[in-house]
Amino acid sequence: MKTKLIIDTEREGYGTDQVRRTMTVGDLIATLEQYDEDTPVFLGFDRRYTYGGITEARFEEVEDDEDED
């Protein structure tokens, strides 16, 4: 049986400011280093009723404009 890594997701708000806690890139790298580099990673939604993959095209960097008036 091949191991799969599933990251369970939760809806926490309608904006990033409503998310209580999230990992940094460093935290994510440190966590993923525990797994074999060929382990597939999936996102689990709605208590694993649906799933999604992680691809480079889905990453988006946005600027935080909280400090702007």
PDB file of N, CA and C in Angstrom:
ATOM      1  N   MET A   1       0.842  -1.184   0.000  1.00  0.00           N
ATOM      2  CA  MET A   1       0.000   0.000   0.000  1.00  0.00           C
ATOM      3  C   MET A   1       0.886   1.246   0.000  1.00  0.00           C
ATOM      4  N   LYS A   2       0.660   2.153  -0.935  1.00  0.00           N
ATOM      5  CA  LYS A   2       1.452   3.374  -1.037  1.00  0.00           C
ATOM      6  C   LYS A   2       0.887   4.456  -0.107  1.00  0.00           C
ATOM      7  N   THR A   3       1.765   5.121   0.595  1.00  0.00           N
ATOM      8  CA  THR A   3       1.369   6.189   1.506  1.00  0.00           C
ATOM      9  C   THR A   3       0.959   7.425   0.730  1.00  0.00           C
ATOM     10  N   LYS A   4      -0.118   8.081   1.176  1.00  0.00           N
ATOM     11  CA  LYS A   4      -0.567   9.371   0.644  1.00  0.00           C
ATOM     12  C   LYS A   4      -0.639  10.329   1.817  1.00  0.00           C
ATOM     13  N   LEU A   5      -0.252  11.563   1.604  1.00  0.00           N
ATOM     14  CA  LEU A   5      -0.365  12.594   2.634  1.00  0.00           C
ATOM     15  C   LEU A   5      -1.594  13.424   2.308  1.00  0.00           C
ATOM     16  N   ILE A   6      -2.540  13.474   3.234  1.00  0.00           N
ATOM     17  CA  ILE A   6      -3.755  14.258   3.038  1.00  0.00           C
ATOM     18  C   ILE A   6      -3.773  15.363   4.085  1.00  0.00           C
ATOM     19  N   ILE A   7      -3.892  16.598   3.622  1.00  0.00           N
ATOM     20  CA  ILE A   7      -3.994  17.757   4.505  1.00  0.00           C
ATOM     21  C   ILE A   7      -5.469  18.113   4.598  1.00  0.00           C
ATOM     22  N   ASP A   8      -6.070  17.880   5.770  1.00  0.00           N
ATOM     23  CA  ASP A   8      -7.477  18.205   5.966  1.00  0.00           C
ATOM     24  C   ASP A   8      -7.636  19.714   6.107  1.00  0.00           C
ATOM     25  N   THR A   9      -8.586  20.281   5.391  1.00  0.00           N
ATOM     26  CA  THR A   9      -8.801  21.724   5.415  1.00  0.00           C
ATOM     27  C   THR A   9     -10.068  22.063   6.192  1.00  0.00           C
ATOM     28  N   GLU A  10     -10.128  23.285   6.650  1.00  0.00           N
ATOM     29  CA  GLU A  10     -11.301  23.799   7.343  1.00  0.00           C
ATOM     30  C   GLU A  10     -11.574  25.207   6.858  1.00  0.00           C
ATOM     31  N   ARG A  11     -12.838  25.536   6.734  1.00  0.00           N
ATOM     32  CA  ARG A  11     -13.200  26.926   6.439  1.00  0.00           C
ATOM     33  C   ARG A  11     -13.179  27.684   7.755  1.00  0.00           C
ATOM     34  N   GLU A  12     -12.407  28.778   7.792  1.00  0.00           N
ATOM     35  CA  GLU A  12     -12.284  29.534   9.034  1.00  0.00           C
ATOM     36  C   GLU A  12     -12.759  30.973   8.907  1.00  0.00           C
ATOM     37  N   GLY A  13     -12.984  31.454   7.717  1.00  0.00           N
ATOM     38  CA  GLY A  13     -13.421  32.830   7.572  1.00  0.00           C
ATOM     39  C   GLY A  13     -13.502  33.237   6.112  1.00  0.00           C
ATOM     40  N   TYR A  14     -13.903  34.467   5.915  1.00  0.00           N
ATOM     41  CA  TYR A  14     -14.031  35.009   4.567  1.00  0.00           C
ATOM     42  C   TYR A  14     -12.832  35.869   4.170  1.00  0.00           C
ATOM     43  N   GLY A  15     -11.895  36.023   5.071  1.00  0.00           N
ATOM     44  CA  GLY A  15     -10.670  36.761   4.793  1.00  0.00           C
ATOM     45  C   GLY A  15      -9.517  36.139   5.559  1.00  0.00           C
ATOM     46  N   THR A  16      -8.301  36.396   5.105  1.00  0.00           N
ATOM     47  CA  THR A  16      -7.142  35.820   5.781  1.00  0.00           C
ATOM     48  C   THR A  16      -7.017  36.327   7.216  1.00  0.00           C
ATOM     49  N   ASP A  17      -7.578  37.504   7.496  1.00  0.00           N
ATOM     50  CA  ASP A  17      -7.518  38.047   8.848  1.00  0.00           C
ATOM     51  C   ASP A  17      -8.381  37.261   9.830  1.00  0.00           C
ATOM     52  N   GLN A  18      -9.272  36.420   9.333  1.00  0.00           N
ATOM     53  CA  GLN A  18     -10.137  35.622  10.196  1.00  0.00           C
ATOM     54  C   GLN A  18      -9.565  34.235  10.481  1.00  0.00           C
ATOM     55  N   VAL A  19      -8.449  33.903   9.869  1.00  0.00           N
ATOM     56  CA  VAL A  19      -7.809  32.606  10.092  1.00  0.00           C
ATOM     57  C   VAL A  19      -7.001  32.702  11.381  1.00  0.00           C
ATOM     58  N   ARG A  20      -7.288  31.814  12.307  1.00  0.00           N
ATOM     59  CA  ARG A  20      -6.657  31.875  13.631  1.00  0.00           C
ATOM     60  C   ARG A  20      -5.168  31.580  13.584  1.00  0.00           C
ATOM     61  N   ARG A  21      -4.775  30.576  12.801  1.00  0.00           N
ATOM     62  CA  ARG A  21      -3.379  30.147  12.798  1.00  0.00           C
ATOM     63  C   ARG A  21      -3.077  29.489  11.468  1.00  0.00           C
ATOM     64  N   THR A  22      -1.877  29.693  10.951  1.00  0.00           N
ATOM     65  CA  THR A  22      -1.446  29.018   9.734  1.00  0.00           C
ATOM     66  C   THR A  22       0.059  28.788   9.800  1.00  0.00           C
ATOM     67  N   MET A  23       0.529  27.860   9.005  1.00  0.00           N
ATOM     68  CA  MET A  23       1.957  27.550   8.967  1.00  0.00           C
ATOM     69  C   MET A  23       2.701  28.585   8.138  1.00  0.00           C
ATOM     70  N   THR A  24       3.959  28.758   8.444  1.00  0.00           N
ATOM     71  CA  THR A  24       4.835  29.542   7.576  1.00  0.00           C
ATOM     72  C   THR A  24       5.421  28.597   6.526  1.00  0.00           C
ATOM     73  N   VAL A  25       6.072  29.143   5.535  1.00  0.00           N
ATOM     74  CA  VAL A  25       6.745  28.316   4.538  1.00  0.00           C
ATOM     75  C   VAL A  25       7.776  27.414   5.223  1.00  0.00           C
ATOM     76  N   GLY A  26       8.512  27.968   6.174  1.00  0.00           N
ATOM     77  CA  GLY A  26       9.508  27.183   6.903  1.00  0.00           C
ATOM     78  C   GLY A  26       8.878  26.026   7.664  1.00  0.00           C
ATOM     79  N   ASP A  27       7.729  26.286   8.319  1.00  0.00           N
ATOM     80  CA  ASP A  27       7.016  25.225   9.032  1.00  0.00           C
ATOM     81  C   ASP A  27       6.576  24.126   8.067  1.00  0.00           C
ATOM     82  N   LEU A  28       6.062  24.528   6.920  1.00  0.00           N
ATOM     83  CA  LEU A  28       5.584  23.571   5.929  1.00  0.00           C
ATOM     84  C   LEU A  28       6.726  22.711   5.393  1.00  0.00           C
ATOM     85  N   ILE A  29       7.840  23.341   5.096  1.00  0.00           N
ATOM     86  CA  ILE A  29       9.012  22.601   4.609  1.00  0.00           C
ATOM     87  C   ILE A  29       9.473  21.600   5.662  1.00  0.00           C
ATOM     88  N   ALA A  30       9.564  22.033   6.910  1.00  0.00           N
ATOM     89  CA  ALA A  30      10.017  21.147   7.987  1.00  0.00           C
ATOM     90  C   ALA A  30       9.071  19.964   8.147  1.00  0.00           C
ATOM     91  N   THR A  31       7.788  20.190   8.018  1.00  0.00           N
ATOM     92  CA  THR A  31       6.812  19.109   8.136  1.00  0.00           C
ATOM     93  C   THR A  31       6.922  18.146   6.969  1.00  0.00           C
ATOM     94  N   LEU A  32       7.027  18.673   5.763  1.00  0.00           N
ATOM     95  CA  LEU A  32       7.090  17.810   4.581  1.00  0.00           C
ATOM     96  C   LEU A  32       8.381  17.011   4.500  1.00  0.00           C
ATOM     97  N   GLU A  33       9.445  17.492   5.141  1.00  0.00           N
ATOM     98  CA  GLU A  33      10.714  16.764   5.133  1.00  0.00           C
ATOM     99  C   GLU A  33      10.621  15.418   5.845  1.00  0.00           C
ATOM    100  N   GLN A  34       9.573  15.221   6.617  1.00  0.00           N
ATOM    101  CA  GLN A  34       9.372  13.965   7.324  1.00  0.00           C
ATOM    102  C   GLN A  34       8.894  12.846   6.401  1.00  0.00           C
ATOM    103  N   TYR A  35       8.473  13.196   5.197  1.00  0.00           N
ATOM    104  CA  TYR A  35       7.891  12.237   4.265  1.00  0.00           C
ATOM    105  C   TYR A  35       8.846  11.965   3.110  1.00  0.00           C
ATOM    106  N   ASP A  36       8.702  10.807   2.518  1.00  0.00           N
ATOM    107  CA  ASP A  36       9.461  10.464   1.329  1.00  0.00           C
ATOM    108  C   ASP A  36       9.112  11.476   0.241  1.00  0.00           C
ATOM    109  N   GLU A  37      10.108  11.898  -0.528  1.00  0.00           N
ATOM    110  CA  GLU A  37       9.874  12.955  -1.520  1.00  0.00           C
ATOM    111  C   GLU A  37       8.930  12.538  -2.642  1.00  0.00           C
ATOM    112  N   ASP A  38       8.627  11.258  -2.778  1.00  0.00           N
ATOM    113  CA  ASP A  38       7.693  10.797  -3.805  1.00  0.00           C
ATOM    114  C   ASP A  38       6.275  10.603  -3.272  1.00  0.00           C
ATOM    115  N   THR A  39       6.025  10.986  -2.017  1.00  0.00           N
ATOM    116  CA  THR A  39       4.688  10.849  -1.429  1.00  0.00           C
ATOM    117  C   THR A  39       3.750  11.888  -2.042  1.00  0.00           C
ATOM    118  N   PRO A  40       2.625  11.459  -2.635  1.00  0.00           N
ATOM    119  CA  PRO A  40       1.679  12.430  -3.188  1.00  0.00           C
ATOM    120  C   PRO A  40       0.953  13.170  -2.068  1.00  0.00           C
ATOM    121  N   VAL A  41       0.670  14.456  -2.294  1.00  0.00           N
ATOM    122  CA  VAL A  41       0.011  15.296  -1.305  1.00  0.00           C
ATOM    123  C   VAL A  41      -1.350  15.726  -1.857  1.00  0.00           C
ATOM    124  N   PHE A  42      -2.387  15.588  -1.025  1.00  0.00           N
ATOM    125  CA  PHE A  42      -3.745  15.968  -1.400  1.00  0.00           C
ATOM    126  C   PHE A  42      -4.334  16.874  -0.331  1.00  0.00           C
ATOM    127  N   LEU A  43      -5.293  17.692  -0.715  1.00  0.00           N
ATOM    128  CA  LEU A  43      -6.073  18.476   0.232  1.00  0.00           C
ATOM    129  C   LEU A  43      -7.419  17.783   0.386  1.00  0.00           C
ATOM    130  N   GLY A  44      -7.872  17.627   1.634  1.00  0.00           N
ATOM    131  CA  GLY A  44      -9.179  17.038   1.899  1.00  0.00           C
ATOM    132  C   GLY A  44     -10.141  18.132   2.338  1.00  0.00           C
ATOM    133  N   PHE A  45     -11.295  18.195   1.687  1.00  0.00           N
ATOM    134  CA  PHE A  45     -12.299  19.216   1.989  1.00  0.00           C
ATOM    135  C   PHE A  45     -13.553  18.550   2.554  1.00  0.00           C
ATOM    136  N   ASP A  46     -14.297  19.292   3.342  1.00  0.00           N
ATOM    137  CA  ASP A  46     -15.591  18.830   3.846  1.00  0.00           C
ATOM    138  C   ASP A  46     -15.512  17.442   4.464  1.00  0.00           C
ATOM    139  N   ARG A  47     -14.592  17.301   5.406  1.00  0.00           N
ATOM    140  CA  ARG A  47     -14.368  16.027   6.108  1.00  0.00           C
ATOM    141  C   ARG A  47     -14.059  14.896   5.128  1.00  0.00           C
ATOM    142  N   ARG A  48     -13.230  15.228   4.148  1.00  0.00           N
ATOM    143  CA  ARG A  48     -12.774  14.299   3.105  1.00  0.00           C
ATOM    144  C   ARG A  48     -13.899  13.802   2.203  1.00  0.00           C
ATOM    145  N   TYR A  49     -14.937  14.605   2.069  1.00  0.00           N
ATOM    146  CA  TYR A  49     -16.008  14.297   1.105  1.00  0.00           C
ATOM    147  C   TYR A  49     -15.508  14.576  -0.303  1.00  0.00           C
ATOM    148  N   THR A  50     -14.663  15.628  -0.430  1.00  0.00           N
ATOM    149  CA  THR A  50     -14.032  15.956  -1.706  1.00  0.00           C
ATOM    150  C   THR A  50     -12.543  16.165  -1.479  1.00  0.00           C
ATOM    151  N   TYR A  51     -11.774  16.064  -2.550  1.00  0.00           N
ATOM    152  CA  TYR A  51     -10.323  16.183  -2.492  1.00  0.00           C
ATOM    153  C   TYR A  51      -9.825  17.119  -3.574  1.00  0.00           C
ATOM    154  N   GLY A  52      -8.629  17.635  -3.386  1.00  0.00           N
ATOM    155  CA  GLY A  52      -7.969  18.449  -4.393  1.00  0.00           C
ATOM    156  C   GLY A  52      -6.478  18.211  -4.342  1.00  0.00           C
ATOM    157  N   GLY A  53      -5.849  18.461  -5.460  1.00  0.00           N
ATOM    158  CA  GLY A  53      -4.403  18.326  -5.534  1.00  0.00           C
ATOM    159  C   GLY A  53      -3.720  19.668  -5.353  1.00  0.00           C
ATOM    160  N   ILE A  54      -2.438  19.626  -5.122  1.00  0.00           N
ATOM    161  CA  ILE A  54      -1.632  20.839  -5.004  1.00  0.00           C
ATOM    162  C   ILE A  54      -0.715  20.886  -6.214  1.00  0.00           C
ATOM    163  N   THR A  55      -0.835  21.952  -6.982  1.00  0.00           N
ATOM    164  CA  THR A  55       0.032  22.139  -8.147  1.00  0.00           C
ATOM    165  C   THR A  55       0.646  23.530  -8.088  1.00  0.00           C
ATOM    166  N   GLU A  56       1.753  23.693  -8.761  1.00  0.00           N
ATOM    167  CA  GLU A  56       2.438  24.985  -8.755  1.00  0.00           C
ATOM    168  C   GLU A  56       1.544  26.099  -9.294  1.00  0.00           C
ATOM    169  N   ALA A  57       0.693  25.775 -10.248  1.00  0.00           N
ATOM    170  CA  ALA A  57      -0.195  26.779 -10.841  1.00  0.00           C
ATOM    171  C   ALA A  57      -1.207  27.328  -9.842  1.00  0.00           C
ATOM    172  N   ARG A  58      -1.447  26.612  -8.758  1.00  0.00           N
ATOM    173  CA  ARG A  58      -2.428  27.057  -7.764  1.00  0.00           C
ATOM    174  C   ARG A  58      -1.831  27.962  -6.692  1.00  0.00           C
ATOM    175  N   PHE A  59      -0.529  28.154  -6.705  1.00  0.00           N
ATOM    176  CA  PHE A  59       0.107  29.055  -5.749  1.00  0.00           C
ATOM    177  C   PHE A  59      -0.001  30.484  -6.261  1.00  0.00           C
ATOM    178  N   GLU A  60      -0.356  31.388  -5.365  1.00  0.00           N
ATOM    179  CA  GLU A  60      -0.463  32.804  -5.726  1.00  0.00           C
ATOM    180  C   GLU A  60       0.098  33.628  -4.582  1.00  0.00           C
ATOM    181  N   GLU A  61       0.970  34.529  -4.908  1.00  0.00           N
ATOM    182  CA  GLU A  61       1.542  35.422  -3.899  1.00  0.00           C
ATOM    183  C   GLU A  61       0.796  36.745  -3.974  1.00  0.00           C
ATOM    184  N   VAL A  62       0.278  37.207  -2.840  1.00  0.00           N
ATOM    185  CA  VAL A  62      -0.436  38.479  -2.797  1.00  0.00           C
ATOM    186  C   VAL A  62       0.204  39.372  -1.749  1.00  0.00           C
ATOM    187  N   GLU A  63       0.126  40.650  -1.968  1.00  0.00           N
ATOM    188  CA  GLU A  63       0.670  41.615  -1.023  1.00  0.00           C
ATOM    189  C   GLU A  63      -0.370  41.909   0.042  1.00  0.00           C
ATOM    190  N   ASP A  64       0.070  42.020   1.290  1.00  0.00           N
ATOM    191  CA  ASP A  64      -0.817  42.339   2.416  1.00  0.00           C
ATOM    192  C   ASP A  64      -0.909  43.853   2.520  1.00  0.00           C
ATOM    193  N   ASP A  65      -2.119  44.377   2.360  1.00  0.00           N
ATOM    194  CA  ASP A  65      -2.306  45.833   2.395  1.00  0.00           C
ATOM    195  C   ASP A  65      -2.943  46.301   3.701  1.00  0.00           C
ATOM    196  N   GLU A  66      -2.814  45.526   4.765  1.00  0.00           N
ATOM    197  CA  GLU A  66      -3.397  45.904   6.057  1.00  0.00           C
ATOM    198  C   GLU A  66      -2.868  47.216   6.595  1.00  0.00           C
ATOM    199  N   ASP A  67      -1.593  47.522   6.333  1.00  0.00           N
ATOM    200  CA  ASP A  67      -0.967  48.717   6.892  1.00  0.00           C
ATOM    201  C   ASP A  67      -1.320  49.988   6.122  1.00  0.00           C
ATOM    202  N   GLU A  68      -1.972  49.838   4.978  1.00  0.00           N
ATOM    203  CA  GLU A  68      -2.323  51.016   4.174  1.00  0.00           C
ATOM    204  C   GLU A  68      -3.580  51.664   4.710  1.00  0.00           C
ATOM    205  N   ASP A  69      -3.632  52.990   4.670  1.00  0.00           N
ATOM    206  CA  ASP A  69      -4.818  53.748   5.126  1.00  0.00           C
ATOM    207  C   ASP A  69      -5.634  54.235   3.976  1.00  0.00           C
TER     208      ASP A  69
END
